[in-house]
Amino acid sequence: GLYVFSPEFAELLPDVGDHERTTFPQLA
């Protein structure tokens, strides 16, 4: 539950929802 994010991470986040089910799998 602790993170470091690069500036471009913010635009990859969903407007509504859980980043662990959307953004993180995409990055992985």
mmCIF file of all heavy atoms, coordinates in Angstrom:
data_MODEL
# 
_entry.id   MODEL 
# 
loop_
_atom_site.group_PDB 
_atom_site.id 
_atom_site.type_symbol 
_atom_site.label_atom_id 
_atom_site.label_alt_id 
_atom_site.label_comp_id 
_atom_site.label_asym_id 
_atom_site.label_entity_id 
_atom_site.label_seq_id 
_atom_site.pdbx_PDB_ins_code 
_atom_site.Cartn_x 
_atom_site.Cartn_y 
_atom_site.Cartn_z 
_atom_site.occupancy 
_atom_site.B_iso_or_equiv 
_atom_site.pdbx_formal_charge 
_atom_site.auth_seq_id 
_atom_site.auth_comp_id 
_atom_site.auth_asym_id 
_atom_site.auth_atom_id 
_atom_site.pdbx_PDB_model_num 
ATOM 1   N N   . GLY A 1 1  ? 0.795   -1.228 0.000   1.00 0.00 ? 1  GLY A N   1 
ATOM 2   C CA  . GLY A 1 1  ? 0.000   0.000  0.000   1.00 0.00 ? 1  GLY A CA  1 
ATOM 3   C C   . GLY A 1 1  ? 0.818   1.263  0.000   1.00 0.00 ? 1  GLY A C   1 
ATOM 4   O O   . GLY A 1 1  ? 0.332   2.328  0.396   1.00 0.00 ? 1  GLY A O   1 
ATOM 5   N N   . LEU A 1 2  ? 2.081   1.191  -0.473  1.00 0.00 ? 2  LEU A N   1 
ATOM 6   C CA  . LEU A 1 2  ? 2.981   2.335  -0.558  1.00 0.00 ? 2  LEU A CA  1 
ATOM 7   C C   . LEU A 1 2  ? 3.631   2.323  -1.939  1.00 0.00 ? 2  LEU A C   1 
ATOM 8   O O   . LEU A 1 2  ? 4.067   1.269  -2.409  1.00 0.00 ? 2  LEU A O   1 
ATOM 9   C CB  . LEU A 1 2  ? 4.054   2.251  0.530   1.00 0.00 ? 2  LEU A CB  1 
ATOM 10  C CG  . LEU A 1 2  ? 3.512   2.265  1.959   1.00 0.00 ? 2  LEU A CG  1 
ATOM 11  C CD1 . LEU A 1 2  ? 4.405   1.461  2.873   1.00 0.00 ? 2  LEU A CD1 1 
ATOM 12  C CD2 . LEU A 1 2  ? 3.391   3.695  2.457   1.00 0.00 ? 2  LEU A CD2 1 
ATOM 13  N N   . TYR A 1 3  ? 3.745   3.517  -2.563  1.00 0.00 ? 3  TYR A N   1 
ATOM 14  C CA  . TYR A 1 3  ? 4.129   3.563  -3.968  1.00 0.00 ? 3  TYR A CA  1 
ATOM 15  C C   . TYR A 1 3  ? 5.060   4.732  -4.273  1.00 0.00 ? 3  TYR A C   1 
ATOM 16  O O   . TYR A 1 3  ? 5.064   5.748  -3.567  1.00 0.00 ? 3  TYR A O   1 
ATOM 17  C CB  . TYR A 1 3  ? 2.885   3.729  -4.853  1.00 0.00 ? 3  TYR A CB  1 
ATOM 18  C CG  . TYR A 1 3  ? 1.742   2.806  -4.522  1.00 0.00 ? 3  TYR A CG  1 
ATOM 19  C CD1 . TYR A 1 3  ? 0.711   3.213  -3.681  1.00 0.00 ? 3  TYR A CD1 1 
ATOM 20  C CD2 . TYR A 1 3  ? 1.691   1.512  -5.042  1.00 0.00 ? 3  TYR A CD2 1 
ATOM 21  C CE1 . TYR A 1 3  ? -0.341  2.364  -3.369  1.00 0.00 ? 3  TYR A CE1 1 
ATOM 22  C CE2 . TYR A 1 3  ? 0.641   0.661  -4.742  1.00 0.00 ? 3  TYR A CE2 1 
ATOM 23  C CZ  . TYR A 1 3  ? -0.369  1.093  -3.896  1.00 0.00 ? 3  TYR A CZ  1 
ATOM 24  O OH  . TYR A 1 3  ? -1.415  0.244  -3.587  1.00 0.00 ? 3  TYR A OH  1 
ATOM 25  N N   . VAL A 1 4  ? 5.817   4.575  -5.376  1.00 0.00 ? 4  VAL A N   1 
ATOM 26  C CA  . VAL A 1 4  ? 6.484   5.689  -6.044  1.00 0.00 ? 4  VAL A CA  1 
ATOM 27  C C   . VAL A 1 4  ? 5.956   5.708  -7.472  1.00 0.00 ? 4  VAL A C   1 
ATOM 28  O O   . VAL A 1 4  ? 5.946   4.672  -8.147  1.00 0.00 ? 4  VAL A O   1 
ATOM 29  C CB  . VAL A 1 4  ? 8.019   5.533  -6.069  1.00 0.00 ? 4  VAL A CB  1 
ATOM 30  C CG1 . VAL A 1 4  ? 8.650   6.787  -6.674  1.00 0.00 ? 4  VAL A CG1 1 
ATOM 31  C CG2 . VAL A 1 4  ? 8.568   5.271  -4.690  1.00 0.00 ? 4  VAL A CG2 1 
ATOM 32  N N   . PHE A 1 5  ? 5.521   6.878  -7.927  1.00 0.00 ? 5  PHE A N   1 
ATOM 33  C CA  . PHE A 1 5  ? 4.961   7.006  -9.267  1.00 0.00 ? 5  PHE A CA  1 
ATOM 34  C C   . PHE A 1 5  ? 5.722   8.054  -10.069 1.00 0.00 ? 5  PHE A C   1 
ATOM 35  O O   . PHE A 1 5  ? 6.058   9.131  -9.551  1.00 0.00 ? 5  PHE A O   1 
ATOM 36  C CB  . PHE A 1 5  ? 3.489   7.426  -9.211  1.00 0.00 ? 5  PHE A CB  1 
ATOM 37  C CG  . PHE A 1 5  ? 2.580   6.417  -8.562  1.00 0.00 ? 5  PHE A CG  1 
ATOM 38  C CD1 . PHE A 1 5  ? 1.622   6.816  -7.646  1.00 0.00 ? 5  PHE A CD1 1 
ATOM 39  C CD2 . PHE A 1 5  ? 2.676   5.064  -8.871  1.00 0.00 ? 5  PHE A CD2 1 
ATOM 40  C CE1 . PHE A 1 5  ? 0.765   5.890  -7.055  1.00 0.00 ? 5  PHE A CE1 1 
ATOM 41  C CE2 . PHE A 1 5  ? 1.833   4.130  -8.279  1.00 0.00 ? 5  PHE A CE2 1 
ATOM 42  C CZ  . PHE A 1 5  ? 0.877   4.550  -7.369  1.00 0.00 ? 5  PHE A CZ  1 
ATOM 43  N N   . SER A 1 6  ? 5.986   7.756  -11.328 1.00 0.00 ? 6  SER A N   1 
ATOM 44  C CA  . SER A 1 6  ? 6.533   8.740  -12.251 1.00 0.00 ? 6  SER A CA  1 
ATOM 45  C C   . SER A 1 6  ? 5.418   9.676  -12.704 1.00 0.00 ? 6  SER A C   1 
ATOM 46  O O   . SER A 1 6  ? 4.230   9.349  -12.594 1.00 0.00 ? 6  SER A O   1 
ATOM 47  C CB  . SER A 1 6  ? 7.170   8.033  -13.454 1.00 0.00 ? 6  SER A CB  1 
ATOM 48  O OG  . SER A 1 6  ? 8.309   7.281  -13.049 1.00 0.00 ? 6  SER A OG  1 
ATOM 49  N N   . PRO A 1 7  ? 5.772   10.859 -13.223 1.00 0.00 ? 7  PRO A N   1 
ATOM 50  C CA  . PRO A 1 7  ? 4.728   11.839 -13.564 1.00 0.00 ? 7  PRO A CA  1 
ATOM 51  C C   . PRO A 1 7  ? 3.677   11.304 -14.515 1.00 0.00 ? 7  PRO A C   1 
ATOM 52  O O   . PRO A 1 7  ? 2.480   11.634 -14.386 1.00 0.00 ? 7  PRO A O   1 
ATOM 53  C CB  . PRO A 1 7  ? 5.528   12.985 -14.206 1.00 0.00 ? 7  PRO A CB  1 
ATOM 54  C CG  . PRO A 1 7  ? 6.891   12.870 -13.606 1.00 0.00 ? 7  PRO A CG  1 
ATOM 55  C CD  . PRO A 1 7  ? 7.124   11.398 -13.408 1.00 0.00 ? 7  PRO A CD  1 
ATOM 56  N N   . GLU A 1 8  ? 4.075   10.460 -15.477 1.00 0.00 ? 8  GLU A N   1 
ATOM 57  C CA  . GLU A 1 8  ? 3.105   9.992  -16.482 1.00 0.00 ? 8  GLU A CA  1 
ATOM 58  C C   . GLU A 1 8  ? 2.092   8.995  -15.934 1.00 0.00 ? 8  GLU A C   1 
ATOM 59  O O   . GLU A 1 8  ? 1.118   8.654  -16.602 1.00 0.00 ? 8  GLU A O   1 
ATOM 60  C CB  . GLU A 1 8  ? 3.839   9.363  -17.674 1.00 0.00 ? 8  GLU A CB  1 
ATOM 61  C CG  . GLU A 1 8  ? 4.671   8.133  -17.342 1.00 0.00 ? 8  GLU A CG  1 
ATOM 62  C CD  . GLU A 1 8  ? 6.123   8.446  -17.037 1.00 0.00 ? 8  GLU A CD  1 
ATOM 63  O OE1 . GLU A 1 8  ? 6.390   9.526  -16.471 1.00 0.00 ? 8  GLU A OE1 1 
ATOM 64  O OE2 . GLU A 1 8  ? 6.991   7.624  -17.379 1.00 0.00 ? 8  GLU A OE2 1 
ATOM 65  N N   . PHE A 1 9  ? 2.298   8.522  -14.702 1.00 0.00 ? 9  PHE A N   1 
ATOM 66  C CA  . PHE A 1 9  ? 1.390   7.531  -14.140 1.00 0.00 ? 9  PHE A CA  1 
ATOM 67  C C   . PHE A 1 9  ? -0.030  8.072  -13.984 1.00 0.00 ? 9  PHE A C   1 
ATOM 68  O O   . PHE A 1 9  ? -1.002  7.348  -14.185 1.00 0.00 ? 9  PHE A O   1 
ATOM 69  C CB  . PHE A 1 9  ? 1.911   7.049  -12.782 1.00 0.00 ? 9  PHE A CB  1 
ATOM 70  C CG  . PHE A 1 9  ? 1.012   6.053  -12.094 1.00 0.00 ? 9  PHE A CG  1 
ATOM 71  C CD1 . PHE A 1 9  ? 0.974   4.730  -12.502 1.00 0.00 ? 9  PHE A CD1 1 
ATOM 72  C CD2 . PHE A 1 9  ? 0.193   6.436  -11.038 1.00 0.00 ? 9  PHE A CD2 1 
ATOM 73  C CE1 . PHE A 1 9  ? 0.154   3.811  -11.883 1.00 0.00 ? 9  PHE A CE1 1 
ATOM 74  C CE2 . PHE A 1 9  ? -0.636  5.526  -10.411 1.00 0.00 ? 9  PHE A CE2 1 
ATOM 75  C CZ  . PHE A 1 9  ? -0.658  4.207  -10.831 1.00 0.00 ? 9  PHE A CZ  1 
ATOM 76  N N   . ALA A 1 10 ? -0.152  9.336  -13.606 1.00 0.00 ? 10 ALA A N   1 
ATOM 77  C CA  . ALA A 1 10 ? -1.469  9.902  -13.290 1.00 0.00 ? 10 ALA A CA  1 
ATOM 78  C C   . ALA A 1 10 ? -2.445  9.772  -14.451 1.00 0.00 ? 10 ALA A C   1 
ATOM 79  O O   . ALA A 1 10 ? -3.627  9.471  -14.260 1.00 0.00 ? 10 ALA A O   1 
ATOM 80  C CB  . ALA A 1 10 ? -1.327  11.364 -12.865 1.00 0.00 ? 10 ALA A CB  1 
ATOM 81  N N   . GLU A 1 11 ? -1.969  9.993  -15.675 1.00 0.00 ? 11 GLU A N   1 
ATOM 82  C CA  . GLU A 1 11 ? -2.881  9.945  -16.828 1.00 0.00 ? 11 GLU A CA  1 
ATOM 83  C C   . GLU A 1 11 ? -3.301  8.524  -17.176 1.00 0.00 ? 11 GLU A C   1 
ATOM 84  O O   . GLU A 1 11 ? -4.235  8.333  -17.961 1.00 0.00 ? 11 GLU A O   1 
ATOM 85  C CB  . GLU A 1 11 ? -2.229  10.611 -18.024 1.00 0.00 ? 11 GLU A CB  1 
ATOM 86  C CG  . GLU A 1 11 ? -0.971  9.946  -18.522 1.00 0.00 ? 11 GLU A CG  1 
ATOM 87  C CD  . GLU A 1 11 ? -0.234  10.778 -19.557 1.00 0.00 ? 11 GLU A CD  1 
ATOM 88  O OE1 . GLU A 1 11 ? -0.185  12.014 -19.392 1.00 0.00 ? 11 GLU A OE1 1 
ATOM 89  O OE2 . GLU A 1 11 ? 0.265   10.184 -20.524 1.00 0.00 ? 11 GLU A OE2 1 
ATOM 90  N N   . LEU A 1 12 ? -2.644  7.512  -16.594 1.00 0.00 ? 12 LEU A N   1 
ATOM 91  C CA  . LEU A 1 12 ? -3.015  6.116  -16.836 1.00 0.00 ? 12 LEU A CA  1 
ATOM 92  C C   . LEU A 1 12 ? -4.080  5.620  -15.858 1.00 0.00 ? 12 LEU A C   1 
ATOM 93  O O   . LEU A 1 12 ? -4.611  4.525  -16.033 1.00 0.00 ? 12 LEU A O   1 
ATOM 94  C CB  . LEU A 1 12 ? -1.776  5.220  -16.722 1.00 0.00 ? 12 LEU A CB  1 
ATOM 95  C CG  . LEU A 1 12 ? -0.606  5.536  -17.662 1.00 0.00 ? 12 LEU A CG  1 
ATOM 96  C CD1 . LEU A 1 12 ? 0.567   4.614  -17.368 1.00 0.00 ? 12 LEU A CD1 1 
ATOM 97  C CD2 . LEU A 1 12 ? -1.034  5.429  -19.110 1.00 0.00 ? 12 LEU A CD2 1 
ATOM 98  N N   . LEU A 1 13 ? -4.378  6.407  -14.844 1.00 0.00 ? 13 LEU A N   1 
ATOM 99  C CA  . LEU A 1 13 ? -5.339  5.995  -13.829 1.00 0.00 ? 13 LEU A CA  1 
ATOM 100 C C   . LEU A 1 13 ? -6.775  6.097  -14.339 1.00 0.00 ? 13 LEU A C   1 
ATOM 101 O O   . LEU A 1 13 ? -7.107  6.977  -15.128 1.00 0.00 ? 13 LEU A O   1 
ATOM 102 C CB  . LEU A 1 13 ? -5.188  6.870  -12.577 1.00 0.00 ? 13 LEU A CB  1 
ATOM 103 C CG  . LEU A 1 13 ? -3.950  6.605  -11.723 1.00 0.00 ? 13 LEU A CG  1 
ATOM 104 C CD1 . LEU A 1 13 ? -3.706  7.767  -10.756 1.00 0.00 ? 13 LEU A CD1 1 
ATOM 105 C CD2 . LEU A 1 13 ? -4.105  5.298  -10.945 1.00 0.00 ? 13 LEU A CD2 1 
ATOM 106 N N   . PRO A 1 14 ? -7.662  5.215  -13.831 1.00 0.00 ? 14 PRO A N   1 
ATOM 107 C CA  . PRO A 1 14 ? -9.083  5.328  -14.197 1.00 0.00 ? 14 PRO A CA  1 
ATOM 108 C C   . PRO A 1 14 ? -9.735  6.501  -13.477 1.00 0.00 ? 14 PRO A C   1 
ATOM 109 O O   . PRO A 1 14 ? -9.317  6.881  -12.383 1.00 0.00 ? 14 PRO A O   1 
ATOM 110 C CB  . PRO A 1 14 ? -9.662  3.992  -13.716 1.00 0.00 ? 14 PRO A CB  1 
ATOM 111 C CG  . PRO A 1 14 ? -8.799  3.619  -12.547 1.00 0.00 ? 14 PRO A CG  1 
ATOM 112 C CD  . PRO A 1 14 ? -7.414  4.075  -12.908 1.00 0.00 ? 14 PRO A CD  1 
ATOM 113 N N   . ASP A 1 15 ? -10.754 7.083  -14.092 1.00 0.00 ? 15 ASP A N   1 
ATOM 114 C CA  . ASP A 1 15 ? -11.502 8.143  -13.412 1.00 0.00 ? 15 ASP A CA  1 
ATOM 115 C C   . ASP A 1 15 ? -12.269 7.584  -12.219 1.00 0.00 ? 15 ASP A C   1 
ATOM 116 O O   . ASP A 1 15 ? -12.421 8.253  -11.195 1.00 0.00 ? 15 ASP A O   1 
ATOM 117 C CB  . ASP A 1 15 ? -12.480 8.803  -14.388 1.00 0.00 ? 15 ASP A CB  1 
ATOM 118 C CG  . ASP A 1 15 ? -11.757 9.569  -15.494 1.00 0.00 ? 15 ASP A CG  1 
ATOM 119 O OD1 . ASP A 1 15 ? -10.683 10.146 -15.215 1.00 0.00 ? 15 ASP A OD1 1 
ATOM 120 O OD2 . ASP A 1 15 ? -12.259 9.574  -16.630 1.00 0.00 ? 15 ASP A OD2 1 
ATOM 121 N N   . VAL A 1 16 ? -12.760 6.360  -12.385 1.00 0.00 ? 16 VAL A N   1 
ATOM 122 C CA  . VAL A 1 16 ? -13.464 5.657  -11.314 1.00 0.00 ? 16 VAL A CA  1 
ATOM 123 C C   . VAL A 1 16 ? -13.001 4.201  -11.354 1.00 0.00 ? 16 VAL A C   1 
ATOM 124 O O   . VAL A 1 16 ? -12.937 3.597  -12.433 1.00 0.00 ? 16 VAL A O   1 
ATOM 125 C CB  . VAL A 1 16 ? -14.998 5.720  -11.483 1.00 0.00 ? 16 VAL A CB  1 
ATOM 126 C CG1 . VAL A 1 16 ? -15.684 4.941  -10.361 1.00 0.00 ? 16 VAL A CG1 1 
ATOM 127 C CG2 . VAL A 1 16 ? -15.477 7.168  -11.504 1.00 0.00 ? 16 VAL A CG2 1 
ATOM 128 N N   . GLY A 1 17 ? -12.679 3.649  -10.197 1.00 0.00 ? 17 GLY A N   1 
ATOM 129 C CA  . GLY A 1 17 ? -12.288 2.244  -10.175 1.00 0.00 ? 17 GLY A CA  1 
ATOM 130 C C   . GLY A 1 17 ? -10.989 2.010  -9.434  1.00 0.00 ? 17 GLY A C   1 
ATOM 131 O O   . GLY A 1 17 ? -10.459 2.900  -8.761  1.00 0.00 ? 17 GLY A O   1 
ATOM 132 N N   . ASP A 1 18 ? -10.471 0.813  -9.566  1.00 0.00 ? 18 ASP A N   1 
ATOM 133 C CA  . ASP A 1 18 ? -9.316  0.357  -8.811  1.00 0.00 ? 18 ASP A CA  1 
ATOM 134 C C   . ASP A 1 18 ? -8.120  0.211  -9.750  1.00 0.00 ? 18 ASP A C   1 
ATOM 135 O O   . ASP A 1 18 ? -8.166  -0.593 -10.701 1.00 0.00 ? 18 ASP A O   1 
ATOM 136 C CB  . ASP A 1 18 ? -9.629  -0.985 -8.146  1.00 0.00 ? 18 ASP A CB  1 
ATOM 137 C CG  . ASP A 1 18 ? -8.566  -1.425 -7.153  1.00 0.00 ? 18 ASP A CG  1 
ATOM 138 O OD1 . ASP A 1 18 ? -7.449  -0.865 -7.187  1.00 0.00 ? 18 ASP A OD1 1 
ATOM 139 O OD2 . ASP A 1 18 ? -8.841  -2.328 -6.355  1.00 0.00 ? 18 ASP A OD2 1 
ATOM 140 N N   . HIS A 1 19 ? -7.064  0.964  -9.501  1.00 0.00 ? 19 HIS A N   1 
ATOM 141 C CA  . HIS A 1 19 ? -5.868  0.905  -10.350 1.00 0.00 ? 19 HIS A CA  1 
ATOM 142 C C   . HIS A 1 19 ? -5.174  -0.455 -10.291 1.00 0.00 ? 19 HIS A C   1 
ATOM 143 O O   . HIS A 1 19 ? -4.444  -0.823 -11.207 1.00 0.00 ? 19 HIS A O   1 
ATOM 144 C CB  . HIS A 1 19 ? -4.877  1.994  -9.934  1.00 0.00 ? 19 HIS A CB  1 
ATOM 145 C CG  . HIS A 1 19 ? -4.422  1.912  -8.508  1.00 0.00 ? 19 HIS A CG  1 
ATOM 146 N ND1 . HIS A 1 19 ? -5.247  2.203  -7.448  1.00 0.00 ? 19 HIS A ND1 1 
ATOM 147 C CD2 . HIS A 1 19 ? -3.229  1.565  -7.975  1.00 0.00 ? 19 HIS A CD2 1 
ATOM 148 C CE1 . HIS A 1 19 ? -4.581  2.049  -6.321  1.00 0.00 ? 19 HIS A CE1 1 
ATOM 149 N NE2 . HIS A 1 19 ? -3.357  1.659  -6.608  1.00 0.00 ? 19 HIS A NE2 1 
ATOM 150 N N   . GLU A 1 20 ? -5.397  -1.212 -9.208  1.00 0.00 ? 20 GLU A N   1 
ATOM 151 C CA  . GLU A 1 20 ? -4.754  -2.524 -9.100  1.00 0.00 ? 20 GLU A CA  1 
ATOM 152 C C   . GLU A 1 20 ? -5.365  -3.532 -10.079 1.00 0.00 ? 20 GLU A C   1 
ATOM 153 O O   . GLU A 1 20 ? -4.758  -4.569 -10.352 1.00 0.00 ? 20 GLU A O   1 
ATOM 154 C CB  . GLU A 1 20 ? -4.852  -3.043 -7.665  1.00 0.00 ? 20 GLU A CB  1 
ATOM 155 C CG  . GLU A 1 20 ? -4.036  -2.208 -6.687  1.00 0.00 ? 20 GLU A CG  1 
ATOM 156 C CD  . GLU A 1 20 ? -3.996  -2.812 -5.300  1.00 0.00 ? 20 GLU A CD  1 
ATOM 157 O OE1 . GLU A 1 20 ? -4.317  -4.012 -5.162  1.00 0.00 ? 20 GLU A OE1 1 
ATOM 158 O OE2 . GLU A 1 20 ? -3.642  -2.093 -4.356  1.00 0.00 ? 20 GLU A OE2 1 
ATOM 159 N N   . ARG A 1 21 ? -6.561  -3.253 -10.586 1.00 0.00 ? 21 ARG A N   1 
ATOM 160 C CA  . ARG A 1 21 ? -7.204  -4.148 -11.546 1.00 0.00 ? 21 ARG A CA  1 
ATOM 161 C C   . ARG A 1 21 ? -7.115  -3.636 -12.978 1.00 0.00 ? 21 ARG A C   1 
ATOM 162 O O   . ARG A 1 21 ? -7.476  -4.365 -13.906 1.00 0.00 ? 21 ARG A O   1 
ATOM 163 C CB  . ARG A 1 21 ? -8.676  -4.332 -11.160 1.00 0.00 ? 21 ARG A CB  1 
ATOM 164 C CG  . ARG A 1 21 ? -8.868  -4.996 -9.805  1.00 0.00 ? 21 ARG A CG  1 
ATOM 165 C CD  . ARG A 1 21 ? -10.333 -5.203 -9.502  1.00 0.00 ? 21 ARG A CD  1 
ATOM 166 N NE  . ARG A 1 21 ? -10.527 -5.855 -8.209  1.00 0.00 ? 21 ARG A NE  1 
ATOM 167 C CZ  . ARG A 1 21 ? -11.707 -6.167 -7.687  1.00 0.00 ? 21 ARG A CZ  1 
ATOM 168 N NH1 . ARG A 1 21 ? -12.822 -5.889 -8.371  1.00 0.00 ? 21 ARG A NH1 1 
ATOM 169 N NH2 . ARG A 1 21 ? -11.802 -6.750 -6.515  1.00 0.00 ? 21 ARG A NH2 1 
ATOM 170 N N   . THR A 1 22 ? -6.652  -2.411 -13.145 1.00 0.00 ? 22 THR A N   1 
ATOM 171 C CA  . THR A 1 22 ? -6.598  -1.822 -14.477 1.00 0.00 ? 22 THR A CA  1 
ATOM 172 C C   . THR A 1 22 ? -5.178  -1.377 -14.817 1.00 0.00 ? 22 THR A C   1 
ATOM 173 O O   . THR A 1 22 ? -4.502  -1.988 -15.638 1.00 0.00 ? 22 THR A O   1 
ATOM 174 C CB  . THR A 1 22 ? -7.565  -0.628 -14.570 1.00 0.00 ? 22 THR A CB  1 
ATOM 175 O OG1 . THR A 1 22 ? -7.261  0.307  -13.503 1.00 0.00 ? 22 THR A OG1 1 
ATOM 176 C CG2 . THR A 1 22 ? -9.014  -1.075 -14.425 1.00 0.00 ? 22 THR A CG2 1 
ATOM 177 N N   . THR A 1 23 ? -4.724  -0.322 -14.169 1.00 0.00 ? 23 THR A N   1 
ATOM 178 C CA  . THR A 1 23 ? -3.435  0.288  -14.516 1.00 0.00 ? 23 THR A CA  1 
ATOM 179 C C   . THR A 1 23 ? -2.259  -0.624 -14.204 1.00 0.00 ? 23 THR A C   1 
ATOM 180 O O   . THR A 1 23 ? -1.328  -0.759 -15.021 1.00 0.00 ? 23 THR A O   1 
ATOM 181 C CB  . THR A 1 23 ? -3.271  1.617  -13.771 1.00 0.00 ? 23 THR A CB  1 
ATOM 182 O OG1 . THR A 1 23 ? -4.456  2.405  -13.927 1.00 0.00 ? 23 THR A OG1 1 
ATOM 183 C CG2 . THR A 1 23 ? -2.082  2.391  -14.312 1.00 0.00 ? 23 THR A CG2 1 
ATOM 184 N N   . PHE A 1 24 ? -2.241  -1.239 -13.028 1.00 0.00 ? 24 PHE A N   1 
ATOM 185 C CA  . PHE A 1 24 ? -1.104  -2.074 -12.654 1.00 0.00 ? 24 PHE A CA  1 
ATOM 186 C C   . PHE A 1 24 ? -0.915  -3.274 -13.599 1.00 0.00 ? 24 PHE A C   1 
ATOM 187 O O   . PHE A 1 24 ? 0.206   -3.532 -14.041 1.00 0.00 ? 24 PHE A O   1 
ATOM 188 C CB  . PHE A 1 24 ? -1.240  -2.545 -11.213 1.00 0.00 ? 24 PHE A CB  1 
ATOM 189 C CG  . PHE A 1 24 ? -0.791  -1.526 -10.192 1.00 0.00 ? 24 PHE A CG  1 
ATOM 190 C CD1 . PHE A 1 24 ? -0.895  -1.787 -8.835  1.00 0.00 ? 24 PHE A CD1 1 
ATOM 191 C CD2 . PHE A 1 24 ? -0.244  -0.313 -10.583 1.00 0.00 ? 24 PHE A CD2 1 
ATOM 192 C CE1 . PHE A 1 24 ? -0.463  -0.862 -7.892  1.00 0.00 ? 24 PHE A CE1 1 
ATOM 193 C CE2 . PHE A 1 24 ? 0.175   0.633  -9.643  1.00 0.00 ? 24 PHE A CE2 1 
ATOM 194 C CZ  . PHE A 1 24 ? 0.063   0.354  -8.294  1.00 0.00 ? 24 PHE A CZ  1 
ATOM 195 N N   . PRO A 1 25 ? -1.976  -4.037 -13.927 1.00 0.00 ? 25 PRO A N   1 
ATOM 196 C CA  . PRO A 1 25 ? -1.766  -5.129 -14.889 1.00 0.00 ? 25 PRO A CA  1 
ATOM 197 C C   . PRO A 1 25 ? -1.243  -4.650 -16.234 1.00 0.00 ? 25 PRO A C   1 
ATOM 198 O O   . PRO A 1 25 ? -0.413  -5.314 -16.863 1.00 0.00 ? 25 PRO A O   1 
ATOM 199 C CB  . PRO A 1 25 ? -3.164  -5.756 -15.010 1.00 0.00 ? 25 PRO A CB  1 
ATOM 200 C CG  . PRO A 1 25 ? -3.833  -5.434 -13.711 1.00 0.00 ? 25 PRO A CG  1 
ATOM 201 C CD  . PRO A 1 25 ? -3.337  -4.064 -13.351 1.00 0.00 ? 25 PRO A CD  1 
ATOM 202 N N   . GLN A 1 26 ? -1.719  -3.497 -16.677 1.00 0.00 ? 26 GLN A N   1 
ATOM 203 C CA  . GLN A 1 26 ? -1.248  -2.934 -17.944 1.00 0.00 ? 26 GLN A CA  1 
ATOM 204 C C   . GLN A 1 26 ? 0.246   -2.639 -17.872 1.00 0.00 ? 26 GLN A C   1 
ATOM 205 O O   . GLN A 1 26 ? 1.006   -2.968 -18.797 1.00 0.00 ? 26 GLN A O   1 
ATOM 206 C CB  . GLN A 1 26 ? -2.030  -1.654 -18.257 1.00 0.00 ? 26 GLN A CB  1 
ATOM 207 C CG  . GLN A 1 26 ? -1.551  -0.899 -19.489 1.00 0.00 ? 26 GLN A CG  1 
ATOM 208 C CD  . GLN A 1 26 ? -2.248  0.449  -19.647 1.00 0.00 ? 26 GLN A CD  1 
ATOM 209 O OE1 . GLN A 1 26 ? -3.247  0.730  -18.989 1.00 0.00 ? 26 GLN A OE1 1 
ATOM 210 N NE2 . GLN A 1 26 ? -1.720  1.285  -20.504 1.00 0.00 ? 26 GLN A NE2 1 
ATOM 211 N N   . LEU A 1 27 ? 0.693   -2.023 -16.793 1.00 0.00 ? 27 LEU A N   1 
ATOM 212 C CA  . LEU A 1 27 ? 2.113   -1.711 -16.638 1.00 0.00 ? 27 LEU A CA  1 
ATOM 213 C C   . LEU A 1 27 ? 2.944   -2.982 -16.488 1.00 0.00 ? 27 LEU A C   1 
ATOM 214 O O   . LEU A 1 27 ? 4.069   -3.059 -16.994 1.00 0.00 ? 27 LEU A O   1 
ATOM 215 C CB  . LEU A 1 27 ? 2.318   -0.803 -15.427 1.00 0.00 ? 27 LEU A CB  1 
ATOM 216 C CG  . LEU A 1 27 ? 1.797   0.628  -15.565 1.00 0.00 ? 27 LEU A CG  1 
ATOM 217 C CD1 . LEU A 1 27 ? 1.933   1.369  -14.237 1.00 0.00 ? 27 LEU A CD1 1 
ATOM 218 C CD2 . LEU A 1 27 ? 2.550   1.371  -16.660 1.00 0.00 ? 27 LEU A CD2 1 
ATOM 219 N N   . ALA A 1 28 ? 2.408   -3.968 -15.777 1.00 0.00 ? 28 ALA A N   1 
ATOM 220 C CA  . ALA A 1 28 ? 3.150   -5.217 -15.579 1.00 0.00 ? 28 ALA A CA  1 
ATOM 221 C C   . ALA A 1 28 ? 3.403   -5.909 -16.914 1.00 0.00 ? 28 ALA A C   1 
ATOM 222 O O   . ALA A 1 28 ? 4.493   -6.450 -17.148 1.00 0.00 ? 28 ALA A O   1 
ATOM 223 C CB  . ALA A 1 28 ? 2.374   -6.135 -14.629 1.00 0.00 ? 28 ALA A CB  1 
# 
